[in-house]
Amino acid sequence: MEADLVKQLKIKAGAVKRINREYHSYEEELRTERDRLQKLTTSGASDHAVKKQQDVIQESISMLPNTKKRLQDAVEDLQSFLQEQASNASLTQSDEWTDAQTQMQTAVNGVLNLA
C-alpha cells in the first residue's frame, strides 16, 4: 500500500515537473522565433519568409494556453493527493513528498501565478 502511494506521488509530481518544463520550452521557443522574425524584417527578407515566420510564432502562441491548462490540472491533481495523504506520517516525511511540494510550488509561483 505504502509503495503504491509513493509511486502515485512520484507520477503526479513528475507530471507537474514535465508539463512545467514543457511550458517554459514553449516560452523560450516563442522568444527565439520572435527574434528570428525581427532579424528577417530588418534584413529585408521576402514577404513569404516573413509570413512563414509569423505562422511559426502563431503556432507557438497557440500552444501556451493548452499547456498552461494541462499544468493547472496536474497541479490540482497533485494538490488534492497531497491533501488526502496529509495525515500519512511516513509519506509526508519522505523525500518524494518534499519534491512533490517543491514541484507544485514552482509551477504555482512561476507559470500559474496563483501565489
N, C-alpha and C. Protein backbone atom coordinates (compact mmCIF):
# COMPACT_ATOMS: atom_id res chain seq x y z
N MET A 1 0.83 -1.20 0.00
CA MET A 1 0.00 0.00 0.00
C MET A 1 0.87 1.25 0.00
N GLU A 2 1.85 1.28 0.90
CA GLU A 2 2.72 2.46 1.01
C GLU A 2 3.52 2.69 -0.27
N ALA A 3 4.00 1.61 -0.87
CA ALA A 3 4.76 1.72 -2.12
C ALA A 3 3.88 2.27 -3.25
N ASP A 4 2.61 1.88 -3.25
CA ASP A 4 1.68 2.39 -4.26
C ASP A 4 1.47 3.89 -4.11
N LEU A 5 1.39 4.36 -2.88
CA LEU A 5 1.20 5.79 -2.63
C LEU A 5 2.43 6.58 -3.06
N VAL A 6 3.60 6.04 -2.77
CA VAL A 6 4.84 6.71 -3.19
C VAL A 6 4.91 6.75 -4.71
N LYS A 7 4.52 5.66 -5.35
CA LYS A 7 4.52 5.61 -6.81
C LYS A 7 3.55 6.64 -7.39
N GLN A 8 2.34 6.71 -6.83
CA GLN A 8 1.37 7.71 -7.29
C GLN A 8 1.91 9.12 -7.11
N LEU A 9 2.53 9.36 -5.97
CA LEU A 9 3.09 10.68 -5.68
C LEU A 9 4.17 11.04 -6.69
N LYS A 10 5.05 10.10 -7.00
CA LYS A 10 6.11 10.34 -7.97
C LYS A 10 5.53 10.64 -9.35
N ILE A 11 4.52 9.90 -9.73
CA ILE A 11 3.90 10.10 -11.05
C ILE A 11 3.26 11.48 -11.14
N LYS A 12 2.52 11.85 -10.11
CA LYS A 12 1.82 13.14 -10.12
C LYS A 12 2.83 14.31 -10.09
N ALA A 13 3.87 14.19 -9.27
CA ALA A 13 4.90 15.23 -9.20
C ALA A 13 5.68 15.29 -10.52
N GLY A 14 5.93 14.14 -11.10
CA GLY A 14 6.64 14.08 -12.38
C GLY A 14 5.84 14.74 -13.50
N ALA A 15 4.54 14.55 -13.47
CA ALA A 15 3.68 15.17 -14.49
C ALA A 15 3.74 16.69 -14.37
N VAL A 16 3.68 17.20 -13.14
CA VAL A 16 3.77 18.65 -12.93
C VAL A 16 5.12 19.17 -13.43
N LYS A 17 6.18 18.46 -13.09
CA LYS A 17 7.52 18.88 -13.50
C LYS A 17 7.65 18.89 -15.03
N ARG A 18 7.17 17.82 -15.68
CA ARG A 18 7.28 17.70 -17.13
C ARG A 18 6.48 18.78 -17.85
N ILE A 19 5.25 19.00 -17.42
CA ILE A 19 4.40 19.99 -18.09
C ILE A 19 4.94 21.40 -17.83
N ASN A 20 5.46 21.65 -16.64
CA ASN A 20 6.07 22.94 -16.32
C ASN A 20 7.27 23.19 -17.25
N ARG A 21 8.10 22.18 -17.41
CA ARG A 21 9.27 22.29 -18.30
C ARG A 21 8.82 22.51 -19.74
N GLU A 22 7.75 21.82 -20.15
CA GLU A 22 7.20 21.97 -21.49
C GLU A 22 6.71 23.40 -21.72
N TYR A 23 6.03 23.97 -20.74
CA TYR A 23 5.53 25.33 -20.85
C TYR A 23 6.69 26.30 -21.05
N HIS A 24 7.74 26.13 -20.25
CA HIS A 24 8.89 27.03 -20.36
C HIS A 24 9.62 26.85 -21.70
N SER A 25 9.61 25.65 -22.24
CA SER A 25 10.25 25.46 -23.55
C SER A 25 9.44 26.16 -24.64
N TYR A 26 8.12 26.17 -24.52
CA TYR A 26 7.30 26.92 -25.48
C TYR A 26 7.56 28.43 -25.37
N GLU A 27 7.71 28.91 -24.14
CA GLU A 27 8.03 30.33 -23.97
C GLU A 27 9.37 30.67 -24.61
N GLU A 28 10.36 29.82 -24.40
CA GLU A 28 11.70 30.04 -24.98
C GLU A 28 11.63 29.98 -26.51
N GLU A 29 10.89 29.03 -27.03
CA GLU A 29 10.72 28.91 -28.47
C GLU A 29 10.07 30.18 -29.03
N LEU A 30 9.10 30.70 -28.33
CA LEU A 30 8.42 31.91 -28.77
C LEU A 30 9.40 33.09 -28.82
N ARG A 31 10.23 33.23 -27.79
CA ARG A 31 11.24 34.31 -27.79
C ARG A 31 12.20 34.14 -28.96
N THR A 32 12.65 32.92 -29.19
CA THR A 32 13.59 32.64 -30.28
C THR A 32 12.97 32.97 -31.63
N GLU A 33 11.75 32.54 -31.82
CA GLU A 33 11.08 32.78 -33.10
C GLU A 33 10.77 34.26 -33.32
N ARG A 34 10.47 34.98 -32.26
CA ARG A 34 10.25 36.43 -32.40
C ARG A 34 11.55 37.13 -32.76
N ASP A 35 12.67 36.69 -32.18
CA ASP A 35 13.97 37.25 -32.55
C ASP A 35 14.28 36.97 -34.02
N ARG A 36 13.96 35.76 -34.44
CA ARG A 36 14.20 35.37 -35.83
C ARG A 36 13.35 36.24 -36.77
N LEU A 37 12.10 36.52 -36.38
CA LEU A 37 11.24 37.38 -37.19
C LEU A 37 11.81 38.79 -37.27
N GLN A 38 12.29 39.28 -36.15
CA GLN A 38 12.90 40.62 -36.12
C GLN A 38 14.08 40.69 -37.08
N LYS A 39 14.92 39.65 -37.08
CA LYS A 39 16.07 39.62 -37.98
C LYS A 39 15.63 39.57 -39.44
N LEU A 40 14.56 38.80 -39.70
CA LEU A 40 14.06 38.71 -41.08
C LEU A 40 13.55 40.06 -41.56
N THR A 41 12.81 40.75 -40.72
CA THR A 41 12.24 42.03 -41.15
C THR A 41 13.32 43.10 -41.30
N THR A 42 14.32 43.09 -40.44
CA THR A 42 15.38 44.11 -40.56
C THR A 42 16.32 43.82 -41.71
N SER A 43 16.43 42.54 -42.11
CA SER A 43 17.33 42.21 -43.22
C SER A 43 16.63 42.31 -44.57
N GLY A 44 15.34 42.63 -44.56
CA GLY A 44 14.61 42.79 -45.81
C GLY A 44 14.28 41.48 -46.49
N ALA A 45 13.97 40.45 -45.71
CA ALA A 45 13.62 39.14 -46.28
C ALA A 45 12.31 39.23 -47.06
N SER A 46 12.06 38.23 -47.85
CA SER A 46 10.85 38.21 -48.69
C SER A 46 9.60 38.16 -47.82
N ASP A 47 8.51 38.63 -48.41
CA ASP A 47 7.23 38.61 -47.70
C ASP A 47 6.83 37.19 -47.32
N HIS A 48 7.15 36.26 -48.20
CA HIS A 48 6.82 34.85 -47.93
C HIS A 48 7.56 34.35 -46.69
N ALA A 49 8.83 34.64 -46.56
CA ALA A 49 9.62 34.21 -45.40
C ALA A 49 9.09 34.84 -44.12
N VAL A 50 8.73 36.11 -44.19
CA VAL A 50 8.18 36.80 -43.02
C VAL A 50 6.84 36.18 -42.63
N LYS A 51 6.00 35.90 -43.62
CA LYS A 51 4.69 35.31 -43.35
C LYS A 51 4.85 33.93 -42.72
N LYS A 52 5.77 33.12 -43.23
CA LYS A 52 6.00 31.80 -42.68
C LYS A 52 6.48 31.90 -41.22
N GLN A 53 7.33 32.86 -40.94
CA GLN A 53 7.83 33.03 -39.58
C GLN A 53 6.70 33.49 -38.66
N GLN A 54 5.82 34.33 -39.15
CA GLN A 54 4.66 34.74 -38.36
C GLN A 54 3.77 33.55 -38.05
N ASP A 55 3.64 32.62 -39.00
CA ASP A 55 2.85 31.41 -38.77
C ASP A 55 3.48 30.55 -37.68
N VAL A 56 4.80 30.44 -37.70
CA VAL A 56 5.51 29.68 -36.68
C VAL A 56 5.27 30.30 -35.30
N ILE A 57 5.33 31.61 -35.23
CA ILE A 57 5.09 32.31 -33.96
C ILE A 57 3.67 32.08 -33.49
N GLN A 58 2.71 32.16 -34.40
CA GLN A 58 1.31 31.95 -34.03
C GLN A 58 1.09 30.55 -33.50
N GLU A 59 1.76 29.58 -34.09
CA GLU A 59 1.64 28.20 -33.62
C GLU A 59 2.20 28.06 -32.19
N SER A 60 3.33 28.71 -31.93
CA SER A 60 3.91 28.68 -30.58
C SER A 60 2.98 29.35 -29.57
N ILE A 61 2.41 30.47 -29.96
CA ILE A 61 1.48 31.19 -29.08
C ILE A 61 0.27 30.31 -28.76
N SER A 62 -0.22 29.58 -29.74
CA SER A 62 -1.42 28.76 -29.53
C SER A 62 -1.17 27.59 -28.58
N MET A 63 0.08 27.19 -28.40
CA MET A 63 0.39 26.07 -27.50
C MET A 63 0.38 26.48 -26.03
N LEU A 64 0.61 27.74 -25.75
CA LEU A 64 0.73 28.18 -24.36
C LEU A 64 -0.54 28.00 -23.53
N PRO A 65 -1.72 28.43 -23.99
CA PRO A 65 -2.92 28.26 -23.15
C PRO A 65 -3.24 26.80 -22.85
N ASN A 66 -3.10 25.92 -23.85
CA ASN A 66 -3.37 24.50 -23.64
C ASN A 66 -2.40 23.90 -22.62
N THR A 67 -1.15 24.24 -22.75
CA THR A 67 -0.14 23.71 -21.83
C THR A 67 -0.35 24.25 -20.43
N LYS A 68 -0.72 25.51 -20.34
CA LYS A 68 -1.00 26.10 -19.02
C LYS A 68 -2.19 25.41 -18.37
N LYS A 69 -3.22 25.10 -19.14
CA LYS A 69 -4.40 24.41 -18.61
C LYS A 69 -4.03 23.01 -18.13
N ARG A 70 -3.21 22.30 -18.92
CA ARG A 70 -2.79 20.97 -18.51
C ARG A 70 -1.94 21.04 -17.24
N LEU A 71 -1.12 22.07 -17.12
CA LEU A 71 -0.32 22.25 -15.91
C LEU A 71 -1.21 22.53 -14.71
N GLN A 72 -2.20 23.37 -14.91
CA GLN A 72 -3.13 23.69 -13.83
C GLN A 72 -3.87 22.43 -13.37
N ASP A 73 -4.30 21.60 -14.32
CA ASP A 73 -4.98 20.35 -13.97
C ASP A 73 -4.05 19.41 -13.21
N ALA A 74 -2.80 19.31 -13.64
CA ALA A 74 -1.84 18.44 -12.97
C ALA A 74 -1.54 18.94 -11.56
N VAL A 75 -1.43 20.25 -11.39
CA VAL A 75 -1.19 20.82 -10.06
C VAL A 75 -2.39 20.55 -9.15
N GLU A 76 -3.58 20.73 -9.66
CA GLU A 76 -4.78 20.46 -8.86
C GLU A 76 -4.85 19.00 -8.44
N ASP A 77 -4.49 18.11 -9.36
CA ASP A 77 -4.48 16.68 -9.06
C ASP A 77 -3.45 16.37 -7.96
N LEU A 78 -2.26 16.92 -8.10
CA LEU A 78 -1.22 16.72 -7.09
C LEU A 78 -1.63 17.33 -5.75
N GLN A 79 -2.20 18.51 -5.80
CA GLN A 79 -2.61 19.19 -4.57
C GLN A 79 -3.68 18.38 -3.83
N SER A 80 -4.64 17.84 -4.55
CA SER A 80 -5.68 17.05 -3.88
C SER A 80 -5.09 15.76 -3.31
N PHE A 81 -4.13 15.16 -4.02
CA PHE A 81 -3.48 13.97 -3.50
C PHE A 81 -2.71 14.29 -2.22
N LEU A 82 -2.00 15.42 -2.22
CA LEU A 82 -1.25 15.82 -1.03
C LEU A 82 -2.19 16.08 0.15
N GLN A 83 -3.32 16.68 -0.12
CA GLN A 83 -4.29 16.94 0.95
C GLN A 83 -4.89 15.64 1.49
N GLU A 84 -5.17 14.70 0.59
CA GLU A 84 -5.73 13.42 1.01
C GLU A 84 -4.75 12.62 1.88
N GLN A 85 -3.47 12.76 1.57
CA GLN A 85 -2.45 11.96 2.25
C GLN A 85 -1.72 12.73 3.35
N ALA A 86 -2.19 13.91 3.69
CA ALA A 86 -1.50 14.75 4.68
C ALA A 86 -1.38 14.09 6.04
N SER A 87 -2.27 13.17 6.37
CA SER A 87 -2.21 12.50 7.68
C SER A 87 -1.32 11.26 7.66
N ASN A 88 -0.78 10.91 6.52
CA ASN A 88 0.10 9.74 6.39
C ASN A 88 1.52 10.16 6.75
N ALA A 89 1.90 9.91 7.99
CA ALA A 89 3.18 10.41 8.52
C ALA A 89 4.38 9.87 7.75
N SER A 90 4.38 8.61 7.41
CA SER A 90 5.55 8.06 6.71
C SER A 90 5.69 8.65 5.32
N LEU A 91 4.60 8.98 4.67
CA LEU A 91 4.65 9.58 3.34
C LEU A 91 5.06 11.06 3.42
N THR A 92 4.50 11.77 4.39
CA THR A 92 4.80 13.21 4.48
C THR A 92 6.23 13.48 4.90
N GLN A 93 6.91 12.51 5.46
CA GLN A 93 8.30 12.70 5.86
C GLN A 93 9.28 12.20 4.80
N SER A 94 8.77 11.76 3.67
CA SER A 94 9.64 11.21 2.62
C SER A 94 10.20 12.31 1.72
N ASP A 95 11.28 11.97 1.04
CA ASP A 95 11.87 12.88 0.07
C ASP A 95 10.93 13.14 -1.10
N GLU A 96 10.15 12.13 -1.46
CA GLU A 96 9.21 12.27 -2.57
C GLU A 96 8.14 13.32 -2.25
N TRP A 97 7.72 13.37 -0.99
CA TRP A 97 6.72 14.35 -0.55
C TRP A 97 7.30 15.76 -0.70
N THR A 98 8.52 15.93 -0.23
CA THR A 98 9.18 17.24 -0.31
C THR A 98 9.35 17.66 -1.77
N ASP A 99 9.78 16.71 -2.61
CA ASP A 99 9.95 17.00 -4.03
C ASP A 99 8.61 17.39 -4.67
N ALA A 100 7.56 16.69 -4.32
CA ALA A 100 6.24 16.98 -4.89
C ALA A 100 5.79 18.39 -4.50
N GLN A 101 5.99 18.76 -3.25
CA GLN A 101 5.61 20.11 -2.81
C GLN A 101 6.45 21.16 -3.54
N THR A 102 7.72 20.88 -3.73
CA THR A 102 8.59 21.82 -4.45
C THR A 102 8.12 21.99 -5.89
N GLN A 103 7.82 20.89 -6.57
CA GLN A 103 7.34 20.96 -7.95
C GLN A 103 6.04 21.74 -8.05
N MET A 104 5.16 21.51 -7.10
CA MET A 104 3.88 22.21 -7.10
C MET A 104 4.09 23.71 -6.90
N GLN A 105 4.92 24.08 -5.94
CA GLN A 105 5.16 25.49 -5.67
C GLN A 105 5.86 26.17 -6.84
N THR A 106 6.77 25.48 -7.48
CA THR A 106 7.45 26.04 -8.65
C THR A 106 6.45 26.36 -9.75
N ALA A 107 5.53 25.44 -10.00
CA ALA A 107 4.51 25.67 -11.03
C ALA A 107 3.55 26.78 -10.63
N VAL A 108 3.12 26.77 -9.38
CA VAL A 108 2.15 27.77 -8.91
C VAL A 108 2.76 29.16 -8.94
N ASN A 109 3.97 29.30 -8.46
CA ASN A 109 4.61 30.61 -8.40
C ASN A 109 5.13 31.08 -9.76
N GLY A 110 5.53 30.15 -10.59
CA GLY A 110 6.13 30.51 -11.88
C GLY A 110 5.12 30.73 -12.98
N VAL A 111 4.46 29.68 -13.39
CA VAL A 111 3.58 29.73 -14.56
C VAL A 111 2.16 30.16 -14.18
N LEU A 112 1.63 29.57 -13.15
CA LEU A 112 0.22 29.79 -12.83
C LEU A 112 -0.03 31.08 -12.08
N ASN A 113 0.99 31.62 -11.44
CA ASN A 113 0.88 32.88 -10.70
C ASN A 113 -0.31 32.89 -9.76
N LEU A 114 -0.46 31.83 -9.00
CA LEU A 114 -1.58 31.72 -8.07
C LEU A 114 -1.20 32.14 -6.65
N ALA A 115 0.06 32.42 -6.44
CA ALA A 115 0.52 32.75 -5.08
C ALA A 115 0.02 34.12 -4.63
